Amino acid sequence: MLVRCPLTIWCAAAALAMLTFLAATASPAGAQAEGEVGINFVAFACPNLEADLYGECDILTGATFEILADGVPVAGSPFTTAPTSLVPGFFFYAPANATLTVTELSVDPPGNAPAPGFDPLVINVADIPIGGCGGESTCPTIEFVNLPFAIADGPAGEPPTAAEVDVLPATGSGSNPASPVGTELILLALGALGAGFAFSRRSVPMPSRIDG
């Protein structure tokens, strides 16, 4: 006689527990509400406005930004750019029909300042260019440009003024620090589930009996 059910249940429970753990650890910190879109954000320090963002500019970590949607801070604001699985940056959610005001609060290294039109950057969510967000996925991507202070400040020494401008076309691969559970994690969990059921099919003999 063969006993399979207890081992099957145990393996299935273990695999499902792994899937739950992976989903919990890889889920975004803030939930996406109805009517919101996920937006990728990358900050740069460029020698000039004509520089290629991903070839001639530095991608910044440790830069802090306040983001308002129609004058109200979005969930998680202020944000700080940090390393991700792709390029440094951060990911946030905003209402699809909102106007964003993005203000740089701090930047590292010093000596940089927002480029003209980026101090602050004012843009409608619907107008944000689409960029890559990892693999084949895409999402709206803001690419925030800093310049050396002497250039950003202008020849007359006046600080850059606020302006509503179009964001430069998103050309990079983007980042996905808070994206939903990745394909790799799902495949890993499914593999664990399949392995569990495969092991559960192995025969487990009952203890032998000695007939009296």
N, C-alpha and C. Protein backbone atom coordinates (compact mmCIF):
# COMPACT_ATOMS: atom_id res chain seq x y z
N MET A 1 0.85 -1.19 0.00
CA MET A 1 0.00 0.00 0.00
C MET A 1 0.89 1.25 0.00
N LEU A 2 0.51 2.31 -0.73
CA LEU A 2 1.29 3.53 -0.84
C LEU A 2 0.56 4.68 -0.16
N VAL A 3 1.34 5.54 0.49
CA VAL A 3 0.78 6.72 1.13
C VAL A 3 1.36 7.96 0.46
N ARG A 4 0.53 8.74 -0.22
CA ARG A 4 1.02 9.91 -0.95
C ARG A 4 0.42 11.22 -0.44
N CYS A 5 -0.80 11.22 0.04
CA CYS A 5 -1.52 12.44 0.35
C CYS A 5 -0.81 13.34 1.35
N PRO A 6 -0.32 12.85 2.50
CA PRO A 6 0.34 13.77 3.43
C PRO A 6 1.53 14.48 2.82
N LEU A 7 2.36 13.77 2.06
CA LEU A 7 3.53 14.38 1.45
C LEU A 7 3.12 15.38 0.38
N THR A 8 2.07 15.07 -0.37
CA THR A 8 1.57 16.00 -1.39
C THR A 8 1.12 17.31 -0.76
N ILE A 9 0.37 17.20 0.32
CA ILE A 9 -0.14 18.41 0.99
C ILE A 9 1.02 19.23 1.55
N TRP A 10 2.00 18.54 2.14
CA TRP A 10 3.14 19.25 2.73
C TRP A 10 3.92 20.01 1.67
N CYS A 11 4.19 19.36 0.53
CA CYS A 11 4.96 20.00 -0.54
C CYS A 11 4.20 21.18 -1.14
N ALA A 12 2.89 21.00 -1.34
CA ALA A 12 2.09 22.09 -1.90
C ALA A 12 2.07 23.28 -0.95
N ALA A 13 1.93 23.02 0.35
CA ALA A 13 1.91 24.11 1.33
C ALA A 13 3.24 24.84 1.36
N ALA A 14 4.34 24.10 1.27
CA ALA A 14 5.67 24.73 1.28
C ALA A 14 5.86 25.61 0.06
N ALA A 15 5.44 25.12 -1.12
CA ALA A 15 5.60 25.91 -2.34
C ALA A 15 4.74 27.16 -2.31
N LEU A 16 3.51 27.04 -1.81
CA LEU A 16 2.63 28.20 -1.73
C LEU A 16 3.16 29.22 -0.72
N ALA A 17 3.76 28.73 0.37
CA ALA A 17 4.36 29.64 1.34
C ALA A 17 5.50 30.42 0.71
N MET A 18 6.30 29.75 -0.14
CA MET A 18 7.40 30.43 -0.82
C MET A 18 6.87 31.49 -1.76
N LEU A 19 5.80 31.18 -2.48
CA LEU A 19 5.21 32.14 -3.40
C LEU A 19 4.71 33.36 -2.65
N THR A 20 4.07 33.14 -1.49
CA THR A 20 3.57 34.25 -0.69
C THR A 20 4.71 35.12 -0.20
N PHE A 21 5.81 34.48 0.23
CA PHE A 21 6.97 35.24 0.70
C PHE A 21 7.56 36.09 -0.41
N LEU A 22 7.71 35.50 -1.59
CA LEU A 22 8.28 36.25 -2.71
C LEU A 22 7.41 37.41 -3.10
N ALA A 23 6.10 37.20 -3.10
CA ALA A 23 5.18 38.28 -3.45
C ALA A 23 5.26 39.42 -2.45
N ALA A 24 5.39 39.06 -1.15
CA ALA A 24 5.44 40.09 -0.12
C ALA A 24 6.71 40.90 -0.19
N THR A 25 7.84 40.25 -0.45
CA THR A 25 9.11 40.96 -0.47
C THR A 25 9.34 41.74 -1.74
N ALA A 26 8.66 41.40 -2.84
CA ALA A 26 8.91 42.09 -4.10
C ALA A 26 7.81 43.08 -4.47
N SER A 27 6.78 43.19 -3.65
CA SER A 27 5.68 44.09 -3.96
C SER A 27 6.08 45.53 -3.71
N PRO A 28 5.45 46.48 -4.45
CA PRO A 28 5.78 47.89 -4.24
C PRO A 28 5.39 48.34 -2.85
N ALA A 29 6.13 49.35 -2.33
CA ALA A 29 5.85 49.83 -0.99
C ALA A 29 4.49 50.51 -0.94
N GLY A 30 4.09 51.18 -2.00
CA GLY A 30 2.80 51.83 -2.04
C GLY A 30 1.90 51.16 -3.05
N ALA A 31 0.65 50.95 -2.66
CA ALA A 31 -0.28 50.28 -3.56
C ALA A 31 -0.78 51.26 -4.62
N GLN A 32 -1.07 50.72 -5.79
CA GLN A 32 -1.57 51.54 -6.88
C GLN A 32 -3.07 51.67 -6.74
N ALA A 33 -3.55 52.89 -6.62
CA ALA A 33 -4.97 53.14 -6.50
C ALA A 33 -5.61 53.24 -7.89
N GLU A 34 -6.93 53.12 -7.89
CA GLU A 34 -7.66 53.21 -9.17
C GLU A 34 -7.45 54.59 -9.78
N GLY A 35 -7.18 54.61 -11.09
CA GLY A 35 -6.96 55.87 -11.78
C GLY A 35 -5.54 56.39 -11.69
N GLU A 36 -4.63 55.62 -11.09
CA GLU A 36 -3.24 56.04 -11.00
C GLU A 36 -2.37 55.27 -11.99
N VAL A 37 -1.22 55.85 -12.32
CA VAL A 37 -0.25 55.18 -13.18
C VAL A 37 1.09 55.15 -12.47
N GLY A 38 1.87 54.13 -12.76
CA GLY A 38 3.21 54.03 -12.21
C GLY A 38 4.20 54.81 -13.08
N ILE A 39 5.05 55.57 -12.44
CA ILE A 39 5.98 56.45 -13.16
C ILE A 39 7.41 56.16 -12.69
N ASN A 40 8.29 55.99 -13.65
CA ASN A 40 9.70 55.77 -13.36
C ASN A 40 10.44 57.11 -13.37
N PHE A 41 11.44 57.26 -12.50
CA PHE A 41 12.15 58.54 -12.37
C PHE A 41 13.64 58.28 -12.31
N VAL A 42 14.39 59.00 -13.17
CA VAL A 42 15.84 58.90 -13.19
C VAL A 42 16.41 60.32 -13.21
N ALA A 43 17.43 60.59 -12.40
CA ALA A 43 18.05 61.91 -12.35
C ALA A 43 19.46 61.85 -12.91
N PHE A 44 19.84 62.91 -13.63
CA PHE A 44 21.15 62.95 -14.31
C PHE A 44 21.91 64.21 -13.95
N ALA A 45 23.23 64.12 -14.05
CA ALA A 45 24.10 65.29 -14.02
C ALA A 45 24.85 65.30 -15.35
N CYS A 46 24.54 66.30 -16.18
CA CYS A 46 25.09 66.35 -17.54
C CYS A 46 26.01 67.56 -17.71
N PRO A 47 26.97 67.46 -18.61
CA PRO A 47 27.84 68.63 -18.86
C PRO A 47 27.12 69.75 -19.60
N ASN A 48 26.10 69.39 -20.39
CA ASN A 48 25.32 70.39 -21.12
C ASN A 48 24.01 69.74 -21.55
N LEU A 49 23.09 70.53 -22.04
CA LEU A 49 21.77 70.01 -22.43
C LEU A 49 21.82 69.12 -23.66
N GLU A 50 22.88 69.24 -24.44
CA GLU A 50 22.98 68.43 -25.66
C GLU A 50 23.58 67.05 -25.40
N ALA A 51 24.03 66.79 -24.20
CA ALA A 51 24.70 65.53 -23.88
C ALA A 51 23.73 64.36 -23.94
N ASP A 52 24.25 63.21 -24.35
CA ASP A 52 23.47 61.98 -24.35
C ASP A 52 23.29 61.51 -22.91
N LEU A 53 22.04 61.34 -22.49
CA LEU A 53 21.76 61.08 -21.08
C LEU A 53 22.46 59.82 -20.57
N TYR A 54 22.41 58.75 -21.35
CA TYR A 54 22.93 57.47 -20.87
C TYR A 54 24.36 57.20 -21.36
N GLY A 55 24.93 58.15 -22.11
CA GLY A 55 26.29 57.97 -22.59
C GLY A 55 27.28 58.99 -22.07
N GLU A 56 26.79 60.23 -21.82
CA GLU A 56 27.70 61.31 -21.42
C GLU A 56 27.35 61.92 -20.07
N CYS A 57 26.27 61.45 -19.46
CA CYS A 57 25.83 62.02 -18.18
C CYS A 57 25.98 60.99 -17.06
N ASP A 58 26.05 61.47 -15.83
CA ASP A 58 26.08 60.60 -14.66
C ASP A 58 24.66 60.41 -14.15
N ILE A 59 24.31 59.16 -13.84
CA ILE A 59 23.02 58.87 -13.22
C ILE A 59 23.20 59.02 -11.71
N LEU A 60 22.37 59.84 -11.09
CA LEU A 60 22.58 60.24 -9.71
C LEU A 60 21.90 59.32 -8.70
N THR A 61 22.59 59.05 -7.62
CA THR A 61 21.98 58.44 -6.43
C THR A 61 22.08 59.45 -5.30
N GLY A 62 21.16 59.37 -4.38
CA GLY A 62 21.18 60.30 -3.25
C GLY A 62 20.57 61.66 -3.53
N ALA A 63 19.96 61.83 -4.71
CA ALA A 63 19.27 63.09 -5.00
C ALA A 63 17.83 62.97 -4.50
N THR A 64 17.35 64.02 -3.84
CA THR A 64 16.03 63.99 -3.20
C THR A 64 15.07 64.94 -3.92
N PHE A 65 13.83 64.45 -4.11
CA PHE A 65 12.84 65.21 -4.87
C PHE A 65 11.50 65.21 -4.15
N GLU A 66 10.86 66.36 -4.18
CA GLU A 66 9.46 66.47 -3.76
C GLU A 66 8.61 66.42 -5.01
N ILE A 67 7.53 65.62 -4.98
CA ILE A 67 6.64 65.50 -6.13
C ILE A 67 5.22 65.78 -5.68
N LEU A 68 4.62 66.80 -6.28
CA LEU A 68 3.23 67.17 -6.01
C LEU A 68 2.37 66.82 -7.20
N ALA A 69 1.18 66.33 -6.93
CA ALA A 69 0.18 66.08 -7.97
C ALA A 69 -0.97 67.04 -7.73
N ASP A 70 -1.13 68.02 -8.61
CA ASP A 70 -2.13 69.08 -8.44
C ASP A 70 -1.98 69.75 -7.07
N GLY A 71 -0.72 69.96 -6.67
CA GLY A 71 -0.44 70.67 -5.43
C GLY A 71 -0.41 69.82 -4.17
N VAL A 72 -0.69 68.52 -4.29
CA VAL A 72 -0.72 67.62 -3.13
C VAL A 72 0.42 66.62 -3.25
N PRO A 73 1.21 66.41 -2.20
CA PRO A 73 2.30 65.44 -2.29
C PRO A 73 1.78 64.04 -2.62
N VAL A 74 2.44 63.36 -3.55
CA VAL A 74 2.07 61.99 -3.86
C VAL A 74 2.57 61.08 -2.74
N ALA A 75 1.99 59.90 -2.65
CA ALA A 75 2.37 58.96 -1.59
C ALA A 75 3.85 58.64 -1.67
N GLY A 76 4.55 58.81 -0.55
CA GLY A 76 5.98 58.51 -0.50
C GLY A 76 6.88 59.70 -0.68
N SER A 77 6.35 60.84 -1.12
CA SER A 77 7.17 62.03 -1.33
C SER A 77 7.60 62.62 0.01
N PRO A 78 8.87 63.07 0.13
CA PRO A 78 9.91 63.16 -0.90
C PRO A 78 10.58 61.82 -1.15
N PHE A 79 11.14 61.68 -2.37
CA PHE A 79 11.81 60.47 -2.80
C PHE A 79 13.31 60.72 -2.94
N THR A 80 14.09 59.66 -2.79
CA THR A 80 15.54 59.75 -2.99
C THR A 80 15.97 58.70 -4.00
N THR A 81 16.72 59.13 -5.00
CA THR A 81 17.20 58.17 -6.00
C THR A 81 18.19 57.20 -5.35
N ALA A 82 18.08 55.94 -5.74
CA ALA A 82 18.90 54.89 -5.14
C ALA A 82 19.11 53.78 -6.15
N PRO A 83 20.11 52.92 -5.92
CA PRO A 83 20.32 51.79 -6.84
C PRO A 83 19.10 50.89 -6.91
N THR A 84 18.85 50.35 -8.10
CA THR A 84 17.75 49.41 -8.31
C THR A 84 18.30 48.23 -9.11
N SER A 85 17.41 47.34 -9.52
CA SER A 85 17.85 46.21 -10.33
C SER A 85 18.32 46.64 -11.70
N LEU A 86 17.95 47.86 -12.12
CA LEU A 86 18.42 48.40 -13.40
C LEU A 86 19.23 49.66 -13.12
N VAL A 87 18.80 50.80 -13.60
CA VAL A 87 19.55 52.04 -13.33
C VAL A 87 19.02 52.68 -12.05
N PRO A 88 19.84 53.47 -11.35
CA PRO A 88 19.37 54.13 -10.13
C PRO A 88 18.20 55.07 -10.41
N GLY A 89 17.35 55.21 -9.44
CA GLY A 89 16.19 56.08 -9.56
C GLY A 89 15.15 55.72 -8.52
N PHE A 90 13.89 55.94 -8.85
CA PHE A 90 12.80 55.48 -7.99
C PHE A 90 11.52 55.38 -8.83
N PHE A 91 10.49 54.81 -8.23
CA PHE A 91 9.23 54.55 -8.92
C PHE A 91 8.12 55.06 -8.02
N PHE A 92 7.12 55.74 -8.60
CA PHE A 92 6.02 56.26 -7.79
C PHE A 92 4.73 56.22 -8.59
N TYR A 93 3.62 56.43 -7.89
CA TYR A 93 2.30 56.44 -8.52
C TYR A 93 1.69 57.83 -8.44
N ALA A 94 0.96 58.21 -9.48
CA ALA A 94 0.29 59.50 -9.52
C ALA A 94 -1.00 59.38 -10.32
N PRO A 95 -2.00 60.22 -10.03
CA PRO A 95 -3.24 60.19 -10.80
C PRO A 95 -2.97 60.43 -12.29
N ALA A 96 -3.66 59.68 -13.13
CA ALA A 96 -3.40 59.73 -14.57
C ALA A 96 -3.70 61.10 -15.18
N ASN A 97 -4.60 61.86 -14.56
CA ASN A 97 -4.98 63.16 -15.13
C ASN A 97 -4.38 64.33 -14.37
N ALA A 98 -3.37 64.08 -13.55
CA ALA A 98 -2.81 65.14 -12.70
C ALA A 98 -1.69 65.90 -13.40
N THR A 99 -1.42 67.09 -12.88
CA THR A 99 -0.24 67.86 -13.26
C THR A 99 0.78 67.73 -12.13
N LEU A 100 1.99 67.29 -12.49
CA LEU A 100 3.03 67.08 -11.49
C LEU A 100 3.94 68.30 -11.40
N THR A 101 4.36 68.60 -10.18
CA THR A 101 5.39 69.60 -9.93
C THR A 101 6.53 68.89 -9.22
N VAL A 102 7.68 68.79 -9.88
CA VAL A 102 8.82 68.06 -9.35
C VAL A 102 9.90 69.06 -8.95
N THR A 103 10.24 69.07 -7.66
CA THR A 103 11.22 70.01 -7.13
C THR A 103 12.40 69.23 -6.55
N GLU A 104 13.59 69.55 -7.01
CA GLU A 104 14.78 68.91 -6.46
C GLU A 104 15.14 69.57 -5.13
N LEU A 105 15.18 68.77 -4.06
CA LEU A 105 15.50 69.29 -2.73
C LEU A 105 16.99 69.24 -2.42
N SER A 106 17.67 68.22 -2.94
CA SER A 106 19.11 68.11 -2.72
C SER A 106 19.70 67.26 -3.83
N VAL A 107 20.99 67.47 -4.08
CA VAL A 107 21.65 66.73 -5.15
C VAL A 107 23.09 66.46 -4.73
N ASP A 108 23.58 65.28 -5.12
CA ASP A 108 24.95 64.91 -4.83
C ASP A 108 25.55 64.34 -6.12
N PRO A 109 26.71 64.80 -6.60
CA PRO A 109 27.63 65.71 -5.90
C PRO A 109 27.19 67.17 -5.98
N PRO A 110 27.70 68.00 -5.07
CA PRO A 110 27.38 69.43 -5.13
C PRO A 110 27.98 70.06 -6.37
N GLY A 111 27.52 71.27 -6.65
CA GLY A 111 28.00 71.97 -7.84
C GLY A 111 27.08 71.80 -9.02
N ASN A 112 26.00 71.00 -8.85
CA ASN A 112 25.00 70.81 -9.90
C ASN A 112 23.71 71.49 -9.49
N ALA A 113 22.92 71.86 -10.48
CA ALA A 113 21.63 72.48 -10.25
C ALA A 113 20.69 72.08 -11.38
N PRO A 114 19.36 72.10 -11.13
CA PRO A 114 18.43 71.73 -12.19
C PRO A 114 18.64 72.58 -13.44
N ALA A 115 18.55 71.94 -14.59
CA ALA A 115 18.64 72.64 -15.86
C ALA A 115 17.46 73.59 -16.01
N PRO A 116 17.60 74.62 -16.84
CA PRO A 116 16.47 75.53 -17.08
C PRO A 116 15.22 74.73 -17.47
N GLY A 117 14.11 75.09 -16.83
CA GLY A 117 12.86 74.37 -17.08
C GLY A 117 12.64 73.21 -16.15
N PHE A 118 13.66 72.87 -15.33
CA PHE A 118 13.53 71.77 -14.39
C PHE A 118 13.52 72.25 -12.93
N ASP A 119 13.35 73.54 -12.71
CA ASP A 119 13.45 74.09 -11.35
C ASP A 119 12.24 74.97 -11.03
N PRO A 120 11.07 74.41 -10.74
CA PRO A 120 10.79 72.97 -10.78
C PRO A 120 10.36 72.53 -12.17
N LEU A 121 10.21 71.23 -12.32
CA LEU A 121 9.65 70.66 -13.54
C LEU A 121 8.15 70.53 -13.36
N VAL A 122 7.39 71.09 -14.29
CA VAL A 122 5.93 71.01 -14.24
C VAL A 122 5.47 70.29 -15.50
N ILE A 123 4.76 69.19 -15.33
CA ILE A 123 4.37 68.39 -16.49
C ILE A 123 3.10 67.59 -16.19
N ASN A 124 2.26 67.43 -17.18
CA ASN A 124 1.07 66.59 -17.05
C ASN A 124 1.48 65.12 -17.14
N VAL A 125 0.87 64.29 -16.31
CA VAL A 125 1.18 62.86 -16.34
C VAL A 125 0.98 62.29 -17.74
N ALA A 126 -0.08 62.74 -18.43
CA ALA A 126 -0.38 62.22 -19.76
C ALA A 126 0.70 62.57 -20.78
N ASP A 127 1.53 63.57 -20.49
CA ASP A 127 2.56 64.00 -21.44
C ASP A 127 3.94 63.40 -21.16
N ILE A 128 4.07 62.60 -20.11
CA ILE A 128 5.37 62.02 -19.78
C ILE A 128 5.73 60.96 -20.82
N PRO A 129 6.90 61.03 -21.43
CA PRO A 129 7.28 60.04 -22.45
C PRO A 129 7.35 58.63 -21.86
N ILE A 130 7.13 57.67 -22.72
CA ILE A 130 7.19 56.27 -22.32
C ILE A 130 8.62 55.76 -22.45
N GLY A 131 9.10 55.10 -21.43
CA GLY A 131 10.44 54.53 -21.45
C GLY A 131 10.42 53.08 -21.01
N GLY A 132 11.57 52.44 -21.05
CA GLY A 132 11.66 51.05 -20.64
C GLY A 132 11.68 50.92 -19.13
N CYS A 133 11.04 49.88 -18.63
CA CYS A 133 10.97 49.65 -17.19
C CYS A 133 11.45 48.25 -16.82
N GLY A 134 12.32 47.68 -17.64
CA GLY A 134 12.84 46.35 -17.35
C GLY A 134 12.22 45.30 -18.24
N GLY A 135 13.06 44.47 -18.87
CA GLY A 135 12.55 43.46 -19.79
C GLY A 135 11.84 44.13 -20.95
N GLU A 136 10.63 43.64 -21.25
CA GLU A 136 9.85 44.21 -22.34
C GLU A 136 8.80 45.19 -21.85
N SER A 137 8.76 45.44 -20.55
CA SER A 137 7.73 46.33 -20.00
C SER A 137 8.12 47.79 -20.21
N THR A 138 7.12 48.64 -20.31
CA THR A 138 7.32 50.08 -20.47
C THR A 138 6.45 50.83 -19.48
N CYS A 139 6.81 52.08 -19.24
CA CYS A 139 6.01 52.92 -18.35
C CYS A 139 6.43 54.37 -18.57
N PRO A 140 5.61 55.34 -18.15
CA PRO A 140 6.03 56.73 -18.24
C PRO A 140 7.33 56.93 -17.46
N THR A 141 8.28 57.67 -18.06
CA THR A 141 9.59 57.83 -17.45
C THR A 141 10.01 59.31 -17.46
N ILE A 142 10.25 59.84 -16.28
CA ILE A 142 10.76 61.21 -16.15
C ILE A 142 12.27 61.14 -16.05
N GLU A 143 12.95 61.89 -16.89
CA GLU A 143 14.40 61.99 -16.85
C GLU A 143 14.75 63.43 -16.47
N PHE A 144 15.17 63.59 -15.24
CA PHE A 144 15.41 64.92 -14.66
C PHE A 144 16.87 65.31 -14.86
N VAL A 145 17.11 66.47 -15.45
CA VAL A 145 18.46 66.86 -15.86
C VAL A 145 19.03 67.95 -14.95
N ASN A 146 20.23 67.68 -14.45
CA ASN A 146 21.02 68.70 -13.75
C ASN A 146 22.20 69.10 -14.63
N LEU A 147 22.65 70.34 -14.46
CA LEU A 147 23.82 70.85 -15.16
C LEU A 147 24.79 71.45 -14.14
N PRO A 148 26.06 71.61 -14.50
CA PRO A 148 26.97 72.34 -13.61
C PRO A 148 26.37 73.69 -13.25
N PHE A 149 26.53 74.10 -12.01
CA PHE A 149 25.83 75.29 -11.52
C PHE A 149 26.05 76.50 -12.40
N ALA A 150 27.26 76.71 -12.88
CA ALA A 150 27.55 77.90 -13.69
C ALA A 150 26.73 77.92 -14.97
N ILE A 151 26.44 76.71 -15.50
CA ILE A 151 25.65 76.64 -16.74
C ILE A 151 24.17 76.73 -16.42
N ALA A 152 23.74 76.00 -15.38
CA ALA A 152 22.33 76.00 -15.03
C ALA A 152 21.85 77.37 -14.57
N ASP A 153 22.76 78.10 -13.90
CA ASP A 153 22.40 79.40 -13.34
C ASP A 153 22.30 80.47 -14.41
N GLY A 154 22.92 80.24 -15.56
CA GLY A 154 22.83 81.22 -16.63
C GLY A 154 23.92 82.27 -16.56
N PRO A 155 24.21 82.94 -17.66
CA PRO A 155 25.31 83.91 -17.71
C PRO A 155 25.12 85.11 -16.83
N ALA A 156 23.86 85.46 -16.52
CA ALA A 156 23.63 86.67 -15.72
C ALA A 156 23.65 86.37 -14.23
N GLY A 157 23.83 85.10 -13.86
CA GLY A 157 23.86 84.74 -12.45
C GLY A 157 22.50 84.64 -11.81
N GLU A 158 21.46 84.62 -12.63
CA GLU A 158 20.11 84.51 -12.09
C GLU A 158 19.73 83.04 -11.97
N PRO A 159 19.02 82.68 -10.92
CA PRO A 159 18.63 81.27 -10.76
C PRO A 159 17.64 80.87 -11.84
N PRO A 160 17.61 79.59 -12.20
CA PRO A 160 16.65 79.14 -13.21
C PRO A 160 15.23 79.40 -12.74
N THR A 161 14.37 79.74 -13.67
CA THR A 161 12.98 80.03 -13.33
C THR A 161 12.11 78.82 -13.63
N ALA A 162 10.98 78.76 -12.92
CA ALA A 162 10.05 77.66 -13.15
C ALA A 162 9.45 77.78 -14.53
N ALA A 163 9.25 76.67 -15.17
CA ALA A 163 8.67 76.68 -16.51
C ALA A 163 7.98 75.35 -16.76
N GLU A 164 6.93 75.39 -17.51
CA GLU A 164 6.26 74.16 -17.89
C GLU A 164 6.87 73.71 -19.21
N VAL A 165 7.59 72.60 -19.18
CA VAL A 165 8.31 72.16 -20.36
C VAL A 165 8.03 70.71 -20.63
N ASP A 166 8.37 70.28 -21.83
CA ASP A 166 8.30 68.87 -22.16
C ASP A 166 9.54 68.18 -21.63
N VAL A 167 9.35 67.01 -21.03
CA VAL A 167 10.49 66.24 -20.57
C VAL A 167 11.24 65.71 -21.79
N LEU A 168 12.56 65.65 -21.69
CA LEU A 168 13.34 65.09 -22.79
C LEU A 168 12.86 63.68 -23.07
N PRO A 169 12.89 63.23 -24.33
CA PRO A 169 12.42 61.88 -24.66
C PRO A 169 13.13 60.83 -23.83
N ALA A 170 12.34 59.91 -23.29
CA ALA A 170 12.91 58.85 -22.47
C ALA A 170 13.66 57.87 -23.37
N THR A 171 14.96 57.76 -23.14
CA THR A 171 15.78 56.92 -24.02
C THR A 171 16.45 55.78 -23.29
N GLY A 172 16.37 55.78 -21.95
CA GLY A 172 17.09 54.75 -21.20
C GLY A 172 16.26 53.53 -20.94
N SER A 173 16.88 52.58 -20.23
CA SER A 173 16.19 51.34 -19.90
C SER A 173 15.28 51.52 -18.71
N GLY A 174 15.45 52.64 -17.99
CA GLY A 174 14.57 52.89 -16.87
C GLY A 174 14.94 52.05 -15.67
N SER A 175 14.13 52.15 -14.63
CA SER A 175 14.36 51.37 -13.43
C SER A 175 13.04 50.83 -12.93
N ASN A 176 13.13 49.86 -12.02
CA ASN A 176 11.91 49.21 -11.57
C ASN A 176 12.04 48.82 -10.11
N PRO A 177 12.35 49.82 -9.23
CA PRO A 177 12.59 49.48 -7.86
C PRO A 177 11.38 49.05 -7.10
N ALA A 178 10.18 49.45 -7.61
CA ALA A 178 8.99 49.10 -6.90
C ALA A 178 7.95 48.50 -7.78
N SER A 179 8.37 47.83 -8.80
CA SER A 179 7.45 47.21 -9.73
C SER A 179 6.84 45.98 -9.12
N PRO A 180 5.74 45.44 -9.71
CA PRO A 180 5.14 44.22 -9.20
C PRO A 180 6.11 43.06 -9.28
N VAL A 181 5.70 41.91 -8.73
CA VAL A 181 6.57 40.74 -8.68
C VAL A 181 7.10 40.43 -10.07
N GLY A 182 8.40 40.28 -10.19
CA GLY A 182 9.05 40.04 -11.47
C GLY A 182 8.81 38.65 -11.99
N THR A 183 9.02 38.50 -13.30
CA THR A 183 8.84 37.20 -13.94
C THR A 183 9.75 36.16 -13.32
N GLU A 184 10.97 36.57 -12.97
CA GLU A 184 11.91 35.60 -12.41
C GLU A 184 11.38 35.01 -11.11
N LEU A 185 10.77 35.82 -10.26
CA LEU A 185 10.26 35.32 -8.99
C LEU A 185 9.08 34.39 -9.20
N ILE A 186 8.23 34.71 -10.15
CA ILE A 186 7.09 33.86 -10.43
C ILE A 186 7.55 32.50 -10.93
N LEU A 187 8.55 32.51 -11.84
CA LEU A 187 9.07 31.25 -12.35
C LEU A 187 9.70 30.43 -11.25
N LEU A 188 10.39 31.10 -10.34
CA LEU A 188 11.02 30.40 -9.22
C LEU A 188 9.97 29.72 -8.35
N ALA A 189 8.89 30.46 -8.06
CA ALA A 189 7.84 29.89 -7.23
C ALA A 189 7.14 28.72 -7.92
N LEU A 190 6.88 28.87 -9.22
CA LEU A 190 6.26 27.78 -9.97
C LEU A 190 7.16 26.56 -10.01
N GLY A 191 8.48 26.83 -10.14
CA GLY A 191 9.41 25.71 -10.14
C GLY A 191 9.39 24.98 -8.82
N ALA A 192 9.30 25.73 -7.72
CA ALA A 192 9.23 25.10 -6.40
C ALA A 192 7.96 24.29 -6.25
N LEU A 193 6.87 24.83 -6.76
CA LEU A 193 5.61 24.10 -6.71
C LEU A 193 5.68 22.81 -7.50
N GLY A 194 6.26 22.87 -8.71
CA GLY A 194 6.39 21.67 -9.53
C GLY A 194 7.30 20.63 -8.89
N ALA A 195 8.38 21.13 -8.27
CA ALA A 195 9.28 20.19 -7.61
C ALA A 195 8.60 19.51 -6.44
N GLY A 196 7.77 20.27 -5.74
CA GLY A 196 7.06 19.68 -4.61
C GLY A 196 6.16 18.56 -5.03
N PHE A 197 5.42 18.80 -6.10
CA PHE A 197 4.52 17.74 -6.56
C PHE A 197 5.28 16.56 -7.15
N ALA A 198 6.44 16.86 -7.76
CA ALA A 198 7.24 15.75 -8.30
C ALA A 198 7.72 14.84 -7.18
N PHE A 199 8.19 15.44 -6.09
CA PHE A 199 8.64 14.63 -4.96
C PHE A 199 7.47 13.89 -4.31
N SER A 200 6.29 14.53 -4.37
CA SER A 200 5.15 13.89 -3.72
C SER A 200 4.71 12.62 -4.44
N ARG A 201 5.13 12.45 -5.68
CA ARG A 201 4.75 11.27 -6.45
C ARG A 201 5.63 10.07 -6.12
N ARG A 202 6.69 10.29 -5.38
CA ARG A 202 7.54 9.17 -5.01
C ARG A 202 6.82 8.27 -4.02
N SER A 203 6.97 7.01 -4.17
CA SER A 203 6.28 6.05 -3.32
C SER A 203 6.87 6.06 -1.92
N VAL A 204 5.99 6.07 -0.95
CA VAL A 204 6.40 5.97 0.43
C VAL A 204 5.81 4.70 1.01
N PRO A 205 6.59 3.63 1.13
CA PRO A 205 6.03 2.35 1.58
C PRO A 205 5.60 2.41 3.03
N MET A 206 4.52 1.71 3.32
CA MET A 206 4.06 1.57 4.70
C MET A 206 5.02 0.66 5.44
N PRO A 207 5.19 0.85 6.76
CA PRO A 207 6.04 -0.07 7.53
C PRO A 207 5.59 -1.51 7.36
N SER A 208 6.58 -2.38 7.17
CA SER A 208 6.24 -3.79 6.97
C SER A 208 5.60 -4.38 8.22
N ARG A 209 4.67 -5.33 8.01
CA ARG A 209 3.98 -5.96 9.12
C ARG A 209 4.39 -7.41 9.22
N ILE A 210 4.43 -7.89 10.41
CA ILE A 210 4.70 -9.31 10.64
C ILE A 210 3.41 -9.96 11.07
N ASP A 211 2.91 -10.78 10.21
CA ASP A 211 1.67 -11.47 10.54
C ASP A 211 1.94 -12.50 11.64
N GLY A 212 1.19 -12.45 12.68
CA GLY A 212 1.37 -13.39 13.77
C GLY A 212 0.77 -14.74 13.49
